[in-house]
Amino acid sequence: KAEDTAMYYCAARRSPFCGTQYNVW
């Protein structure tokens, strides 16, 4: 849809623990 227009980013963590914040973009 038109409202999907955006810049898209993926994100990950250096840590193997999913409770941490995203810190790789």
PDBML (XML) file of the C-alpha atoms, coordinates in Angstrom:
<?xml version="1.0" encoding="UTF-8" ?>
<PDBx:datablock datablockName="MODEL"
   xmlns:PDBx="http://pdbml.pdb.org/schema/pdbx-v50.xsd"
   xmlns:xsi="http://www.w3.org/2001/XMLSchema-instance"
   xsi:schemaLocation="http://pdbml.pdb.org/schema/pdbx-v50.xsd pdbx-v50.xsd">
   <PDBx:atom_siteCategory>
      <PDBx:atom_site id="1">
         <PDBx:B_iso_or_equiv>0.00</PDBx:B_iso_or_equiv>
         <PDBx:Cartn_x>0.000</PDBx:Cartn_x>
         <PDBx:Cartn_y>0.000</PDBx:Cartn_y>
         <PDBx:Cartn_z>0.000</PDBx:Cartn_z>
         <PDBx:auth_asym_id>A</PDBx:auth_asym_id>
         <PDBx:auth_atom_id>CA</PDBx:auth_atom_id>
         <PDBx:auth_comp_id>LYS</PDBx:auth_comp_id>
         <PDBx:auth_seq_id>1</PDBx:auth_seq_id>
         <PDBx:group_PDB>ATOM</PDBx:group_PDB>
         <PDBx:label_alt_id xsi:nil="true" />
         <PDBx:label_asym_id>A</PDBx:label_asym_id>
         <PDBx:label_atom_id>CA</PDBx:label_atom_id>
         <PDBx:label_comp_id>LYS</PDBx:label_comp_id>
         <PDBx:label_entity_id>1</PDBx:label_entity_id>
         <PDBx:label_seq_id>1</PDBx:label_seq_id>
         <PDBx:occupancy>1.00</PDBx:occupancy>
         <PDBx:pdbx_PDB_model_num>1</PDBx:pdbx_PDB_model_num>
         <PDBx:type_symbol>C</PDBx:type_symbol>
      </PDBx:atom_site>
      <PDBx:atom_site id="2">
         <PDBx:B_iso_or_equiv>0.00</PDBx:B_iso_or_equiv>
         <PDBx:Cartn_x>1.029</PDBx:Cartn_x>
         <PDBx:Cartn_y>3.602</PDBx:Cartn_y>
         <PDBx:Cartn_z>-0.385</PDBx:Cartn_z>
         <PDBx:auth_asym_id>A</PDBx:auth_asym_id>
         <PDBx:auth_atom_id>CA</PDBx:auth_atom_id>
         <PDBx:auth_comp_id>ALA</PDBx:auth_comp_id>
         <PDBx:auth_seq_id>2</PDBx:auth_seq_id>
         <PDBx:group_PDB>ATOM</PDBx:group_PDB>
         <PDBx:label_alt_id xsi:nil="true" />
         <PDBx:label_asym_id>A</PDBx:label_asym_id>
         <PDBx:label_atom_id>CA</PDBx:label_atom_id>
         <PDBx:label_comp_id>ALA</PDBx:label_comp_id>
         <PDBx:label_entity_id>1</PDBx:label_entity_id>
         <PDBx:label_seq_id>2</PDBx:label_seq_id>
         <PDBx:occupancy>1.00</PDBx:occupancy>
         <PDBx:pdbx_PDB_model_num>1</PDBx:pdbx_PDB_model_num>
         <PDBx:type_symbol>C</PDBx:type_symbol>
      </PDBx:atom_site>
      <PDBx:atom_site id="3">
         <PDBx:B_iso_or_equiv>0.00</PDBx:B_iso_or_equiv>
         <PDBx:Cartn_x>1.366</PDBx:Cartn_x>
         <PDBx:Cartn_y>3.871</PDBx:Cartn_y>
         <PDBx:Cartn_z>3.381</PDBx:Cartn_z>
         <PDBx:auth_asym_id>A</PDBx:auth_asym_id>
         <PDBx:auth_atom_id>CA</PDBx:auth_atom_id>
         <PDBx:auth_comp_id>GLU</PDBx:auth_comp_id>
         <PDBx:auth_seq_id>3</PDBx:auth_seq_id>
         <PDBx:group_PDB>ATOM</PDBx:group_PDB>
         <PDBx:label_alt_id xsi:nil="true" />
         <PDBx:label_asym_id>A</PDBx:label_asym_id>
         <PDBx:label_atom_id>CA</PDBx:label_atom_id>
         <PDBx:label_comp_id>GLU</PDBx:label_comp_id>
         <PDBx:label_entity_id>1</PDBx:label_entity_id>
         <PDBx:label_seq_id>3</PDBx:label_seq_id>
         <PDBx:occupancy>1.00</PDBx:occupancy>
         <PDBx:pdbx_PDB_model_num>1</PDBx:pdbx_PDB_model_num>
         <PDBx:type_symbol>C</PDBx:type_symbol>
      </PDBx:atom_site>
      <PDBx:atom_site id="4">
         <PDBx:B_iso_or_equiv>0.00</PDBx:B_iso_or_equiv>
         <PDBx:Cartn_x>4.093</PDBx:Cartn_x>
         <PDBx:Cartn_y>1.231</PDBx:Cartn_y>
         <PDBx:Cartn_z>3.267</PDBx:Cartn_z>
         <PDBx:auth_asym_id>A</PDBx:auth_asym_id>
         <PDBx:auth_atom_id>CA</PDBx:auth_atom_id>
         <PDBx:auth_comp_id>ASP</PDBx:auth_comp_id>
         <PDBx:auth_seq_id>4</PDBx:auth_seq_id>
         <PDBx:group_PDB>ATOM</PDBx:group_PDB>
         <PDBx:label_alt_id xsi:nil="true" />
         <PDBx:label_asym_id>A</PDBx:label_asym_id>
         <PDBx:label_atom_id>CA</PDBx:label_atom_id>
         <PDBx:label_comp_id>ASP</PDBx:label_comp_id>
         <PDBx:label_entity_id>1</PDBx:label_entity_id>
         <PDBx:label_seq_id>4</PDBx:label_seq_id>
         <PDBx:occupancy>1.00</PDBx:occupancy>
         <PDBx:pdbx_PDB_model_num>1</PDBx:pdbx_PDB_model_num>
         <PDBx:type_symbol>C</PDBx:type_symbol>
      </PDBx:atom_site>
      <PDBx:atom_site id="5">
         <PDBx:B_iso_or_equiv>0.00</PDBx:B_iso_or_equiv>
         <PDBx:Cartn_x>6.375</PDBx:Cartn_x>
         <PDBx:Cartn_y>3.793</PDBx:Cartn_y>
         <PDBx:Cartn_z>1.664</PDBx:Cartn_z>
         <PDBx:auth_asym_id>A</PDBx:auth_asym_id>
         <PDBx:auth_atom_id>CA</PDBx:auth_atom_id>
         <PDBx:auth_comp_id>THR</PDBx:auth_comp_id>
         <PDBx:auth_seq_id>5</PDBx:auth_seq_id>
         <PDBx:group_PDB>ATOM</PDBx:group_PDB>
         <PDBx:label_alt_id xsi:nil="true" />
         <PDBx:label_asym_id>A</PDBx:label_asym_id>
         <PDBx:label_atom_id>CA</PDBx:label_atom_id>
         <PDBx:label_comp_id>THR</PDBx:label_comp_id>
         <PDBx:label_entity_id>1</PDBx:label_entity_id>
         <PDBx:label_seq_id>5</PDBx:label_seq_id>
         <PDBx:occupancy>1.00</PDBx:occupancy>
         <PDBx:pdbx_PDB_model_num>1</PDBx:pdbx_PDB_model_num>
         <PDBx:type_symbol>C</PDBx:type_symbol>
      </PDBx:atom_site>
      <PDBx:atom_site id="6">
         <PDBx:B_iso_or_equiv>0.00</PDBx:B_iso_or_equiv>
         <PDBx:Cartn_x>9.317</PDBx:Cartn_x>
         <PDBx:Cartn_y>4.185</PDBx:Cartn_y>
         <PDBx:Cartn_z>4.027</PDBx:Cartn_z>
         <PDBx:auth_asym_id>A</PDBx:auth_asym_id>
         <PDBx:auth_atom_id>CA</PDBx:auth_atom_id>
         <PDBx:auth_comp_id>ALA</PDBx:auth_comp_id>
         <PDBx:auth_seq_id>6</PDBx:auth_seq_id>
         <PDBx:group_PDB>ATOM</PDBx:group_PDB>
         <PDBx:label_alt_id xsi:nil="true" />
         <PDBx:label_asym_id>A</PDBx:label_asym_id>
         <PDBx:label_atom_id>CA</PDBx:label_atom_id>
         <PDBx:label_comp_id>ALA</PDBx:label_comp_id>
         <PDBx:label_entity_id>1</PDBx:label_entity_id>
         <PDBx:label_seq_id>6</PDBx:label_seq_id>
         <PDBx:occupancy>1.00</PDBx:occupancy>
         <PDBx:pdbx_PDB_model_num>1</PDBx:pdbx_PDB_model_num>
         <PDBx:type_symbol>C</PDBx:type_symbol>
      </PDBx:atom_site>
      <PDBx:atom_site id="7">
         <PDBx:B_iso_or_equiv>0.00</PDBx:B_iso_or_equiv>
         <PDBx:Cartn_x>12.945</PDBx:Cartn_x>
         <PDBx:Cartn_y>3.464</PDBx:Cartn_y>
         <PDBx:Cartn_z>4.620</PDBx:Cartn_z>
         <PDBx:auth_asym_id>A</PDBx:auth_asym_id>
         <PDBx:auth_atom_id>CA</PDBx:auth_atom_id>
         <PDBx:auth_comp_id>MET</PDBx:auth_comp_id>
         <PDBx:auth_seq_id>7</PDBx:auth_seq_id>
         <PDBx:group_PDB>ATOM</PDBx:group_PDB>
         <PDBx:label_alt_id xsi:nil="true" />
         <PDBx:label_asym_id>A</PDBx:label_asym_id>
         <PDBx:label_atom_id>CA</PDBx:label_atom_id>
         <PDBx:label_comp_id>MET</PDBx:label_comp_id>
         <PDBx:label_entity_id>1</PDBx:label_entity_id>
         <PDBx:label_seq_id>7</PDBx:label_seq_id>
         <PDBx:occupancy>1.00</PDBx:occupancy>
         <PDBx:pdbx_PDB_model_num>1</PDBx:pdbx_PDB_model_num>
         <PDBx:type_symbol>C</PDBx:type_symbol>
      </PDBx:atom_site>
      <PDBx:atom_site id="8">
         <PDBx:B_iso_or_equiv>0.00</PDBx:B_iso_or_equiv>
         <PDBx:Cartn_x>13.246</PDBx:Cartn_x>
         <PDBx:Cartn_y>-0.111</PDBx:Cartn_y>
         <PDBx:Cartn_z>5.845</PDBx:Cartn_z>
         <PDBx:auth_asym_id>A</PDBx:auth_asym_id>
         <PDBx:auth_atom_id>CA</PDBx:auth_atom_id>
         <PDBx:auth_comp_id>TYR</PDBx:auth_comp_id>
         <PDBx:auth_seq_id>8</PDBx:auth_seq_id>
         <PDBx:group_PDB>ATOM</PDBx:group_PDB>
         <PDBx:label_alt_id xsi:nil="true" />
         <PDBx:label_asym_id>A</PDBx:label_asym_id>
         <PDBx:label_atom_id>CA</PDBx:label_atom_id>
         <PDBx:label_comp_id>TYR</PDBx:label_comp_id>
         <PDBx:label_entity_id>1</PDBx:label_entity_id>
         <PDBx:label_seq_id>8</PDBx:label_seq_id>
         <PDBx:occupancy>1.00</PDBx:occupancy>
         <PDBx:pdbx_PDB_model_num>1</PDBx:pdbx_PDB_model_num>
         <PDBx:type_symbol>C</PDBx:type_symbol>
      </PDBx:atom_site>
      <PDBx:atom_site id="9">
         <PDBx:B_iso_or_equiv>0.00</PDBx:B_iso_or_equiv>
         <PDBx:Cartn_x>15.925</PDBx:Cartn_x>
         <PDBx:Cartn_y>-1.254</PDBx:Cartn_y>
         <PDBx:Cartn_z>8.265</PDBx:Cartn_z>
         <PDBx:auth_asym_id>A</PDBx:auth_asym_id>
         <PDBx:auth_atom_id>CA</PDBx:auth_atom_id>
         <PDBx:auth_comp_id>TYR</PDBx:auth_comp_id>
         <PDBx:auth_seq_id>9</PDBx:auth_seq_id>
         <PDBx:group_PDB>ATOM</PDBx:group_PDB>
         <PDBx:label_alt_id xsi:nil="true" />
         <PDBx:label_asym_id>A</PDBx:label_asym_id>
         <PDBx:label_atom_id>CA</PDBx:label_atom_id>
         <PDBx:label_comp_id>TYR</PDBx:label_comp_id>
         <PDBx:label_entity_id>1</PDBx:label_entity_id>
         <PDBx:label_seq_id>9</PDBx:label_seq_id>
         <PDBx:occupancy>1.00</PDBx:occupancy>
         <PDBx:pdbx_PDB_model_num>1</PDBx:pdbx_PDB_model_num>
         <PDBx:type_symbol>C</PDBx:type_symbol>
      </PDBx:atom_site>
      <PDBx:atom_site id="10">
         <PDBx:B_iso_or_equiv>0.00</PDBx:B_iso_or_equiv>
         <PDBx:Cartn_x>16.891</PDBx:Cartn_x>
         <PDBx:Cartn_y>-4.572</PDBx:Cartn_y>
         <PDBx:Cartn_z>9.743</PDBx:Cartn_z>
         <PDBx:auth_asym_id>A</PDBx:auth_asym_id>
         <PDBx:auth_atom_id>CA</PDBx:auth_atom_id>
         <PDBx:auth_comp_id>CYS</PDBx:auth_comp_id>
         <PDBx:auth_seq_id>10</PDBx:auth_seq_id>
         <PDBx:group_PDB>ATOM</PDBx:group_PDB>
         <PDBx:label_alt_id xsi:nil="true" />
         <PDBx:label_asym_id>A</PDBx:label_asym_id>
         <PDBx:label_atom_id>CA</PDBx:label_atom_id>
         <PDBx:label_comp_id>CYS</PDBx:label_comp_id>
         <PDBx:label_entity_id>1</PDBx:label_entity_id>
         <PDBx:label_seq_id>10</PDBx:label_seq_id>
         <PDBx:occupancy>1.00</PDBx:occupancy>
         <PDBx:pdbx_PDB_model_num>1</PDBx:pdbx_PDB_model_num>
         <PDBx:type_symbol>C</PDBx:type_symbol>
      </PDBx:atom_site>
      <PDBx:atom_site id="11">
         <PDBx:B_iso_or_equiv>0.00</PDBx:B_iso_or_equiv>
         <PDBx:Cartn_x>18.270</PDBx:Cartn_x>
         <PDBx:Cartn_y>-4.869</PDBx:Cartn_y>
         <PDBx:Cartn_z>13.222</PDBx:Cartn_z>
         <PDBx:auth_asym_id>A</PDBx:auth_asym_id>
         <PDBx:auth_atom_id>CA</PDBx:auth_atom_id>
         <PDBx:auth_comp_id>ALA</PDBx:auth_comp_id>
         <PDBx:auth_seq_id>11</PDBx:auth_seq_id>
         <PDBx:group_PDB>ATOM</PDBx:group_PDB>
         <PDBx:label_alt_id xsi:nil="true" />
         <PDBx:label_asym_id>A</PDBx:label_asym_id>
         <PDBx:label_atom_id>CA</PDBx:label_atom_id>
         <PDBx:label_comp_id>ALA</PDBx:label_comp_id>
         <PDBx:label_entity_id>1</PDBx:label_entity_id>
         <PDBx:label_seq_id>11</PDBx:label_seq_id>
         <PDBx:occupancy>1.00</PDBx:occupancy>
         <PDBx:pdbx_PDB_model_num>1</PDBx:pdbx_PDB_model_num>
         <PDBx:type_symbol>C</PDBx:type_symbol>
      </PDBx:atom_site>
      <PDBx:atom_site id="12">
         <PDBx:B_iso_or_equiv>0.00</PDBx:B_iso_or_equiv>
         <PDBx:Cartn_x>20.147</PDBx:Cartn_x>
         <PDBx:Cartn_y>-7.414</PDBx:Cartn_y>
         <PDBx:Cartn_z>15.275</PDBx:Cartn_z>
         <PDBx:auth_asym_id>A</PDBx:auth_asym_id>
         <PDBx:auth_atom_id>CA</PDBx:auth_atom_id>
         <PDBx:auth_comp_id>ALA</PDBx:auth_comp_id>
         <PDBx:auth_seq_id>12</PDBx:auth_seq_id>
         <PDBx:group_PDB>ATOM</PDBx:group_PDB>
         <PDBx:label_alt_id xsi:nil="true" />
         <PDBx:label_asym_id>A</PDBx:label_asym_id>
         <PDBx:label_atom_id>CA</PDBx:label_atom_id>
         <PDBx:label_comp_id>ALA</PDBx:label_comp_id>
         <PDBx:label_entity_id>1</PDBx:label_entity_id>
         <PDBx:label_seq_id>12</PDBx:label_seq_id>
         <PDBx:occupancy>1.00</PDBx:occupancy>
         <PDBx:pdbx_PDB_model_num>1</PDBx:pdbx_PDB_model_num>
         <PDBx:type_symbol>C</PDBx:type_symbol>
      </PDBx:atom_site>
      <PDBx:atom_site id="13">
         <PDBx:B_iso_or_equiv>0.00</PDBx:B_iso_or_equiv>
         <PDBx:Cartn_x>22.050</PDBx:Cartn_x>
         <PDBx:Cartn_y>-7.866</PDBx:Cartn_y>
         <PDBx:Cartn_z>18.503</PDBx:Cartn_z>
         <PDBx:auth_asym_id>A</PDBx:auth_asym_id>
         <PDBx:auth_atom_id>CA</PDBx:auth_atom_id>
         <PDBx:auth_comp_id>ARG</PDBx:auth_comp_id>
         <PDBx:auth_seq_id>13</PDBx:auth_seq_id>
         <PDBx:group_PDB>ATOM</PDBx:group_PDB>
         <PDBx:label_alt_id xsi:nil="true" />
         <PDBx:label_asym_id>A</PDBx:label_asym_id>
         <PDBx:label_atom_id>CA</PDBx:label_atom_id>
         <PDBx:label_comp_id>ARG</PDBx:label_comp_id>
         <PDBx:label_entity_id>1</PDBx:label_entity_id>
         <PDBx:label_seq_id>13</PDBx:label_seq_id>
         <PDBx:occupancy>1.00</PDBx:occupancy>
         <PDBx:pdbx_PDB_model_num>1</PDBx:pdbx_PDB_model_num>
         <PDBx:type_symbol>C</PDBx:type_symbol>
      </PDBx:atom_site>
      <PDBx:atom_site id="14">
         <PDBx:B_iso_or_equiv>0.00</PDBx:B_iso_or_equiv>
         <PDBx:Cartn_x>25.706</PDBx:Cartn_x>
         <PDBx:Cartn_y>-8.544</PDBx:Cartn_y>
         <PDBx:Cartn_z>19.074</PDBx:Cartn_z>
         <PDBx:auth_asym_id>A</PDBx:auth_asym_id>
         <PDBx:auth_atom_id>CA</PDBx:auth_atom_id>
         <PDBx:auth_comp_id>ARG</PDBx:auth_comp_id>
         <PDBx:auth_seq_id>14</PDBx:auth_seq_id>
         <PDBx:group_PDB>ATOM</PDBx:group_PDB>
         <PDBx:label_alt_id xsi:nil="true" />
         <PDBx:label_asym_id>A</PDBx:label_asym_id>
         <PDBx:label_atom_id>CA</PDBx:label_atom_id>
         <PDBx:label_comp_id>ARG</PDBx:label_comp_id>
         <PDBx:label_entity_id>1</PDBx:label_entity_id>
         <PDBx:label_seq_id>14</PDBx:label_seq_id>
         <PDBx:occupancy>1.00</PDBx:occupancy>
         <PDBx:pdbx_PDB_model_num>1</PDBx:pdbx_PDB_model_num>
         <PDBx:type_symbol>C</PDBx:type_symbol>
      </PDBx:atom_site>
      <PDBx:atom_site id="15">
         <PDBx:B_iso_or_equiv>0.00</PDBx:B_iso_or_equiv>
         <PDBx:Cartn_x>24.579</PDBx:Cartn_x>
         <PDBx:Cartn_y>-10.453</PDBx:Cartn_y>
         <PDBx:Cartn_z>22.142</PDBx:Cartn_z>
         <PDBx:auth_asym_id>A</PDBx:auth_asym_id>
         <PDBx:auth_atom_id>CA</PDBx:auth_atom_id>
         <PDBx:auth_comp_id>SER</PDBx:auth_comp_id>
         <PDBx:auth_seq_id>15</PDBx:auth_seq_id>
         <PDBx:group_PDB>ATOM</PDBx:group_PDB>
         <PDBx:label_alt_id xsi:nil="true" />
         <PDBx:label_asym_id>A</PDBx:label_asym_id>
         <PDBx:label_atom_id>CA</PDBx:label_atom_id>
         <PDBx:label_comp_id>SER</PDBx:label_comp_id>
         <PDBx:label_entity_id>1</PDBx:label_entity_id>
         <PDBx:label_seq_id>15</PDBx:label_seq_id>
         <PDBx:occupancy>1.00</PDBx:occupancy>
         <PDBx:pdbx_PDB_model_num>1</PDBx:pdbx_PDB_model_num>
         <PDBx:type_symbol>C</PDBx:type_symbol>
      </PDBx:atom_site>
      <PDBx:atom_site id="16">
         <PDBx:B_iso_or_equiv>0.00</PDBx:B_iso_or_equiv>
         <PDBx:Cartn_x>23.099</PDBx:Cartn_x>
         <PDBx:Cartn_y>-13.940</PDBx:Cartn_y>
         <PDBx:Cartn_z>21.806</PDBx:Cartn_z>
         <PDBx:auth_asym_id>A</PDBx:auth_asym_id>
         <PDBx:auth_atom_id>CA</PDBx:auth_atom_id>
         <PDBx:auth_comp_id>PRO</PDBx:auth_comp_id>
         <PDBx:auth_seq_id>16</PDBx:auth_seq_id>
         <PDBx:group_PDB>ATOM</PDBx:group_PDB>
         <PDBx:label_alt_id xsi:nil="true" />
         <PDBx:label_asym_id>A</PDBx:label_asym_id>
         <PDBx:label_atom_id>CA</PDBx:label_atom_id>
         <PDBx:label_comp_id>PRO</PDBx:label_comp_id>
         <PDBx:label_entity_id>1</PDBx:label_entity_id>
         <PDBx:label_seq_id>16</PDBx:label_seq_id>
         <PDBx:occupancy>1.00</PDBx:occupancy>
         <PDBx:pdbx_PDB_model_num>1</PDBx:pdbx_PDB_model_num>
         <PDBx:type_symbol>C</PDBx:type_symbol>
      </PDBx:atom_site>
      <PDBx:atom_site id="17">
         <PDBx:B_iso_or_equiv>0.00</PDBx:B_iso_or_equiv>
         <PDBx:Cartn_x>20.558</PDBx:Cartn_x>
         <PDBx:Cartn_y>-12.961</PDBx:Cartn_y>
         <PDBx:Cartn_z>24.459</PDBx:Cartn_z>
         <PDBx:auth_asym_id>A</PDBx:auth_asym_id>
         <PDBx:auth_atom_id>CA</PDBx:auth_atom_id>
         <PDBx:auth_comp_id>PHE</PDBx:auth_comp_id>
         <PDBx:auth_seq_id>17</PDBx:auth_seq_id>
         <PDBx:group_PDB>ATOM</PDBx:group_PDB>
         <PDBx:label_alt_id xsi:nil="true" />
         <PDBx:label_asym_id>A</PDBx:label_asym_id>
         <PDBx:label_atom_id>CA</PDBx:label_atom_id>
         <PDBx:label_comp_id>PHE</PDBx:label_comp_id>
         <PDBx:label_entity_id>1</PDBx:label_entity_id>
         <PDBx:label_seq_id>17</PDBx:label_seq_id>
         <PDBx:occupancy>1.00</PDBx:occupancy>
         <PDBx:pdbx_PDB_model_num>1</PDBx:pdbx_PDB_model_num>
         <PDBx:type_symbol>C</PDBx:type_symbol>
      </PDBx:atom_site>
      <PDBx:atom_site id="18">
         <PDBx:B_iso_or_equiv>0.00</PDBx:B_iso_or_equiv>
         <PDBx:Cartn_x>17.280</PDBx:Cartn_x>
         <PDBx:Cartn_y>-11.745</PDBx:Cartn_y>
         <PDBx:Cartn_z>23.071</PDBx:Cartn_z>
         <PDBx:auth_asym_id>A</PDBx:auth_asym_id>
         <PDBx:auth_atom_id>CA</PDBx:auth_atom_id>
         <PDBx:auth_comp_id>CYS</PDBx:auth_comp_id>
         <PDBx:auth_seq_id>18</PDBx:auth_seq_id>
         <PDBx:group_PDB>ATOM</PDBx:group_PDB>
         <PDBx:label_alt_id xsi:nil="true" />
         <PDBx:label_asym_id>A</PDBx:label_asym_id>
         <PDBx:label_atom_id>CA</PDBx:label_atom_id>
         <PDBx:label_comp_id>CYS</PDBx:label_comp_id>
         <PDBx:label_entity_id>1</PDBx:label_entity_id>
         <PDBx:label_seq_id>18</PDBx:label_seq_id>
         <PDBx:occupancy>1.00</PDBx:occupancy>
         <PDBx:pdbx_PDB_model_num>1</PDBx:pdbx_PDB_model_num>
         <PDBx:type_symbol>C</PDBx:type_symbol>
      </PDBx:atom_site>
      <PDBx:atom_site id="19">
         <PDBx:B_iso_or_equiv>0.00</PDBx:B_iso_or_equiv>
         <PDBx:Cartn_x>16.519</PDBx:Cartn_x>
         <PDBx:Cartn_y>-9.706</PDBx:Cartn_y>
         <PDBx:Cartn_z>26.152</PDBx:Cartn_z>
         <PDBx:auth_asym_id>A</PDBx:auth_asym_id>
         <PDBx:auth_atom_id>CA</PDBx:auth_atom_id>
         <PDBx:auth_comp_id>GLY</PDBx:auth_comp_id>
         <PDBx:auth_seq_id>19</PDBx:auth_seq_id>
         <PDBx:group_PDB>ATOM</PDBx:group_PDB>
         <PDBx:label_alt_id xsi:nil="true" />
         <PDBx:label_asym_id>A</PDBx:label_asym_id>
         <PDBx:label_atom_id>CA</PDBx:label_atom_id>
         <PDBx:label_comp_id>GLY</PDBx:label_comp_id>
         <PDBx:label_entity_id>1</PDBx:label_entity_id>
         <PDBx:label_seq_id>19</PDBx:label_seq_id>
         <PDBx:occupancy>1.00</PDBx:occupancy>
         <PDBx:pdbx_PDB_model_num>1</PDBx:pdbx_PDB_model_num>
         <PDBx:type_symbol>C</PDBx:type_symbol>
      </PDBx:atom_site>
      <PDBx:atom_site id="20">
         <PDBx:B_iso_or_equiv>0.00</PDBx:B_iso_or_equiv>
         <PDBx:Cartn_x>19.072</PDBx:Cartn_x>
         <PDBx:Cartn_y>-7.101</PDBx:Cartn_y>
         <PDBx:Cartn_z>25.123</PDBx:Cartn_z>
         <PDBx:auth_asym_id>A</PDBx:auth_asym_id>
         <PDBx:auth_atom_id>CA</PDBx:auth_atom_id>
         <PDBx:auth_comp_id>THR</PDBx:auth_comp_id>
         <PDBx:auth_seq_id>20</PDBx:auth_seq_id>
         <PDBx:group_PDB>ATOM</PDBx:group_PDB>
         <PDBx:label_alt_id xsi:nil="true" />
         <PDBx:label_asym_id>A</PDBx:label_asym_id>
         <PDBx:label_atom_id>CA</PDBx:label_atom_id>
         <PDBx:label_comp_id>THR</PDBx:label_comp_id>
         <PDBx:label_entity_id>1</PDBx:label_entity_id>
         <PDBx:label_seq_id>20</PDBx:label_seq_id>
         <PDBx:occupancy>1.00</PDBx:occupancy>
         <PDBx:pdbx_PDB_model_num>1</PDBx:pdbx_PDB_model_num>
         <PDBx:type_symbol>C</PDBx:type_symbol>
      </PDBx:atom_site>
      <PDBx:atom_site id="21">
         <PDBx:B_iso_or_equiv>0.00</PDBx:B_iso_or_equiv>
         <PDBx:Cartn_x>18.408</PDBx:Cartn_x>
         <PDBx:Cartn_y>-4.110</PDBx:Cartn_y>
         <PDBx:Cartn_z>22.929</PDBx:Cartn_z>
         <PDBx:auth_asym_id>A</PDBx:auth_asym_id>
         <PDBx:auth_atom_id>CA</PDBx:auth_atom_id>
         <PDBx:auth_comp_id>GLN</PDBx:auth_comp_id>
         <PDBx:auth_seq_id>21</PDBx:auth_seq_id>
         <PDBx:group_PDB>ATOM</PDBx:group_PDB>
         <PDBx:label_alt_id xsi:nil="true" />
         <PDBx:label_asym_id>A</PDBx:label_asym_id>
         <PDBx:label_atom_id>CA</PDBx:label_atom_id>
         <PDBx:label_comp_id>GLN</PDBx:label_comp_id>
         <PDBx:label_entity_id>1</PDBx:label_entity_id>
         <PDBx:label_seq_id>21</PDBx:label_seq_id>
         <PDBx:occupancy>1.00</PDBx:occupancy>
         <PDBx:pdbx_PDB_model_num>1</PDBx:pdbx_PDB_model_num>
         <PDBx:type_symbol>C</PDBx:type_symbol>
      </PDBx:atom_site>
      <PDBx:atom_site id="22">
         <PDBx:B_iso_or_equiv>0.00</PDBx:B_iso_or_equiv>
         <PDBx:Cartn_x>19.008</PDBx:Cartn_x>
         <PDBx:Cartn_y>-4.031</PDBx:Cartn_y>
         <PDBx:Cartn_z>19.219</PDBx:Cartn_z>
         <PDBx:auth_asym_id>A</PDBx:auth_asym_id>
         <PDBx:auth_atom_id>CA</PDBx:auth_atom_id>
         <PDBx:auth_comp_id>TYR</PDBx:auth_comp_id>
         <PDBx:auth_seq_id>22</PDBx:auth_seq_id>
         <PDBx:group_PDB>ATOM</PDBx:group_PDB>
         <PDBx:label_alt_id xsi:nil="true" />
         <PDBx:label_asym_id>A</PDBx:label_asym_id>
         <PDBx:label_atom_id>CA</PDBx:label_atom_id>
         <PDBx:label_comp_id>TYR</PDBx:label_comp_id>
         <PDBx:label_entity_id>1</PDBx:label_entity_id>
         <PDBx:label_seq_id>22</PDBx:label_seq_id>
         <PDBx:occupancy>1.00</PDBx:occupancy>
         <PDBx:pdbx_PDB_model_num>1</PDBx:pdbx_PDB_model_num>
         <PDBx:type_symbol>C</PDBx:type_symbol>
      </PDBx:atom_site>
      <PDBx:atom_site id="23">
         <PDBx:B_iso_or_equiv>0.00</PDBx:B_iso_or_equiv>
         <PDBx:Cartn_x>22.451</PDBx:Cartn_x>
         <PDBx:Cartn_y>-2.577</PDBx:Cartn_y>
         <PDBx:Cartn_z>18.670</PDBx:Cartn_z>
         <PDBx:auth_asym_id>A</PDBx:auth_asym_id>
         <PDBx:auth_atom_id>CA</PDBx:auth_atom_id>
         <PDBx:auth_comp_id>ASN</PDBx:auth_comp_id>
         <PDBx:auth_seq_id>23</PDBx:auth_seq_id>
         <PDBx:group_PDB>ATOM</PDBx:group_PDB>
         <PDBx:label_alt_id xsi:nil="true" />
         <PDBx:label_asym_id>A</PDBx:label_asym_id>
         <PDBx:label_atom_id>CA</PDBx:label_atom_id>
         <PDBx:label_comp_id>ASN</PDBx:label_comp_id>
         <PDBx:label_entity_id>1</PDBx:label_entity_id>
         <PDBx:label_seq_id>23</PDBx:label_seq_id>
         <PDBx:occupancy>1.00</PDBx:occupancy>
         <PDBx:pdbx_PDB_model_num>1</PDBx:pdbx_PDB_model_num>
         <PDBx:type_symbol>C</PDBx:type_symbol>
      </PDBx:atom_site>
      <PDBx:atom_site id="24">
         <PDBx:B_iso_or_equiv>0.00</PDBx:B_iso_or_equiv>
         <PDBx:Cartn_x>23.316</PDBx:Cartn_x>
         <PDBx:Cartn_y>-3.450</PDBx:Cartn_y>
         <PDBx:Cartn_z>15.088</PDBx:Cartn_z>
         <PDBx:auth_asym_id>A</PDBx:auth_asym_id>
         <PDBx:auth_atom_id>CA</PDBx:auth_atom_id>
         <PDBx:auth_comp_id>VAL</PDBx:auth_comp_id>
         <PDBx:auth_seq_id>24</PDBx:auth_seq_id>
         <PDBx:group_PDB>ATOM</PDBx:group_PDB>
         <PDBx:label_alt_id xsi:nil="true" />
         <PDBx:label_asym_id>A</PDBx:label_asym_id>
         <PDBx:label_atom_id>CA</PDBx:label_atom_id>
         <PDBx:label_comp_id>VAL</PDBx:label_comp_id>
         <PDBx:label_entity_id>1</PDBx:label_entity_id>
         <PDBx:label_seq_id>24</PDBx:label_seq_id>
         <PDBx:occupancy>1.00</PDBx:occupancy>
         <PDBx:pdbx_PDB_model_num>1</PDBx:pdbx_PDB_model_num>
         <PDBx:type_symbol>C</PDBx:type_symbol>
      </PDBx:atom_site>
      <PDBx:atom_site id="25">
         <PDBx:B_iso_or_equiv>0.00</PDBx:B_iso_or_equiv>
         <PDBx:Cartn_x>21.485</PDBx:Cartn_x>
         <PDBx:Cartn_y>-1.681</PDBx:Cartn_y>
         <PDBx:Cartn_z>12.292</PDBx:Cartn_z>
         <PDBx:auth_asym_id>A</PDBx:auth_asym_id>
         <PDBx:auth_atom_id>CA</PDBx:auth_atom_id>
         <PDBx:auth_comp_id>TRP</PDBx:auth_comp_id>
         <PDBx:auth_seq_id>25</PDBx:auth_seq_id>
         <PDBx:group_PDB>ATOM</PDBx:group_PDB>
         <PDBx:label_alt_id xsi:nil="true" />
         <PDBx:label_asym_id>A</PDBx:label_asym_id>
         <PDBx:label_atom_id>CA</PDBx:label_atom_id>
         <PDBx:label_comp_id>TRP</PDBx:label_comp_id>
         <PDBx:label_entity_id>1</PDBx:label_entity_id>
         <PDBx:label_seq_id>25</PDBx:label_seq_id>
         <PDBx:occupancy>1.00</PDBx:occupancy>
         <PDBx:pdbx_PDB_model_num>1</PDBx:pdbx_PDB_model_num>
         <PDBx:type_symbol>C</PDBx:type_symbol>
      </PDBx:atom_site>
   </PDBx:atom_siteCategory>
</PDBx:datablock>
